[in-house]
Structures are given as C-alpha cells and as structure tokens.
Amino acid sequence: MLIYLEMIETPEDKDKMDELYQYYRNLMFSVARKIVGNDKDAEDAVGNAAVKIIENLEKISEIKCPKTKSYVVTIVKNKARDINRWKNRHPQVEI
C-alpha cells in the first residue's frame, strides 16, 4: 500500500486513500478472490484496483457510504475480470 500512496501528491488525499483502503481492503480481496480463484491473482486485482481508485480519487466524497462501496466493488470486479481475460488469452503450461 505504501507504494500506491507515493502516487498521491497531497497529504489529504493520502489520508483519504489510506482510510479507504483500510476500510475496504477485506471486501476488495474477498470479491477479487471469488472471481479469480486464488490469492495471488486476487492481490494483483486489488493492487490494480487501488491504482484505478487513486486515479479517480476526486470522485469519492465520503468513504463510508453505499455509493463508495459500490464504486470500489465495481472497480475490483473489473480488474479481477481483466486478470481472468488475460489468463485465458495467455494460458500457462505446467512444467
């Protein structure tokens, strides 16, 4: 999470993102895990979602509200689906 916070310029936005991440991280991981099926890819999806949230942080006015929760869940779902699409296009062969 610290790396992602370095992307943010103002201390207020860093605090906002840190609070948002702390509040929703378990939910984000759970949603991503259900879609991708493993912890590693779920962590990647959550990380990718965090970057997307940071890019659109100005759209979030209140952290603990249903609108923000829906927004965060939608982003993490989309990032998890992106990972699944990529894995389907680039299958890995066990050695």
Protein backbone atom coordinates (compact mmCIF):
# COMPACT_ATOMS: atom_id res chain seq x y z
CA MET A 1 0.00 0.00 0.00
CA LEU A 2 2.87 2.39 0.70
CA ILE A 3 3.95 2.31 -2.94
CA TYR A 4 0.47 3.31 -4.04
CA LEU A 5 0.41 6.21 -1.58
CA GLU A 6 3.55 7.58 -3.23
CA MET A 7 1.46 8.18 -6.36
CA ILE A 8 -0.63 10.74 -4.44
CA GLU A 9 0.56 14.31 -4.12
CA THR A 10 -1.38 15.91 -1.26
CA PRO A 11 -1.36 14.70 2.35
CA GLU A 12 -5.17 14.97 2.47
CA ASP A 13 -5.54 12.63 -0.50
CA LYS A 14 -3.00 10.22 1.01
CA ASP A 15 -5.02 10.10 4.23
CA LYS A 16 -8.23 9.65 2.26
CA MET A 17 -6.81 6.76 0.23
CA ASP A 18 -5.29 5.13 3.30
CA GLU A 19 -8.61 5.30 5.14
CA LEU A 20 -10.49 3.98 2.10
CA TYR A 21 -8.05 1.10 1.66
CA GLN A 22 -8.14 0.15 5.34
CA TYR A 23 -11.94 0.23 5.34
CA TYR A 24 -12.49 -1.77 2.12
CA ARG A 25 -9.41 -3.98 1.75
CA ASN A 26 -11.01 -7.18 3.08
CA LEU A 27 -14.10 -6.67 0.94
CA MET A 28 -11.96 -5.97 -2.13
CA PHE A 29 -9.85 -9.06 -1.58
CA SER A 30 -12.91 -11.24 -0.99
CA VAL A 31 -14.64 -10.05 -4.17
CA ALA A 32 -11.49 -10.48 -6.24
CA ARG A 33 -10.80 -13.93 -4.78
CA LYS A 34 -14.25 -15.15 -5.78
CA ILE A 35 -13.66 -14.07 -9.37
CA VAL A 36 -10.03 -15.13 -9.95
CA GLY A 37 -9.97 -18.17 -7.69
CA ASN A 38 -6.62 -17.72 -5.96
CA ASP A 39 -4.91 -15.37 -3.51
CA LYS A 40 -2.06 -14.25 -5.79
CA ASP A 41 -4.31 -13.04 -8.57
CA ALA A 42 -6.73 -11.54 -6.04
CA GLU A 43 -3.87 -9.47 -4.58
CA ASP A 44 -2.97 -8.32 -8.09
CA ALA A 45 -6.57 -7.34 -8.75
CA VAL A 46 -6.74 -5.36 -5.50
CA GLY A 47 -3.47 -3.60 -6.34
CA ASN A 48 -4.69 -2.73 -9.83
CA ALA A 49 -7.96 -1.51 -8.35
CA ALA A 50 -6.07 0.69 -5.88
CA VAL A 51 -4.24 2.37 -8.76
CA LYS A 52 -7.53 3.00 -10.56
CA ILE A 53 -9.10 4.39 -7.39
CA ILE A 54 -6.15 6.72 -6.88
CA GLU A 55 -6.52 7.97 -10.45
CA ASN A 56 -10.17 8.82 -9.69
CA LEU A 57 -9.91 9.78 -6.02
CA GLU A 58 -11.61 13.13 -6.63
CA LYS A 59 -14.83 11.23 -7.47
CA ILE A 60 -15.05 9.92 -3.90
CA SER A 61 -16.54 12.39 -1.45
CA GLU A 62 -17.39 10.16 1.51
CA ILE A 63 -15.60 6.92 2.38
CA LYS A 64 -18.18 5.05 4.42
CA CYS A 65 -21.22 5.24 2.18
CA PRO A 66 -23.03 2.81 -0.13
CA LYS A 67 -22.06 4.77 -3.25
CA THR A 68 -18.35 4.50 -2.45
CA LYS A 69 -18.69 0.83 -1.56
CA SER A 70 -20.39 0.14 -4.88
CA TYR A 71 -17.73 2.11 -6.75
CA VAL A 72 -14.88 0.22 -5.07
CA VAL A 73 -16.52 -3.17 -5.64
CA THR A 74 -17.17 -2.37 -9.31
CA ILE A 75 -13.54 -1.41 -9.87
CA VAL A 76 -12.15 -4.52 -8.17
CA LYS A 77 -14.57 -6.75 -10.09
CA ASN A 78 -13.47 -5.23 -13.37
CA LYS A 79 -9.78 -5.61 -12.52
CA ALA A 80 -10.30 -9.25 -11.48
CA ARG A 81 -12.13 -9.93 -14.73
CA ASP A 82 -9.26 -8.29 -16.63
CA ILE A 83 -6.87 -10.74 -14.99
CA ASN A 84 -9.10 -13.67 -15.93
CA ARG A 85 -9.30 -12.46 -19.54
CA TRP A 86 -5.54 -12.12 -19.70
CA LYS A 87 -5.03 -15.61 -18.25
CA ASN A 88 -7.48 -17.08 -20.80
CA ARG A 89 -5.63 -15.44 -23.67
CA HIS A 90 -2.21 -16.46 -22.32
CA PRO A 91 -2.57 -19.97 -20.89
CA GLN A 92 0.33 -21.25 -18.82
CA VAL A 93 1.67 -24.75 -19.17
CA GLU A 94 2.87 -26.62 -16.08
CA ILE A 95 6.43 -27.85 -16.39
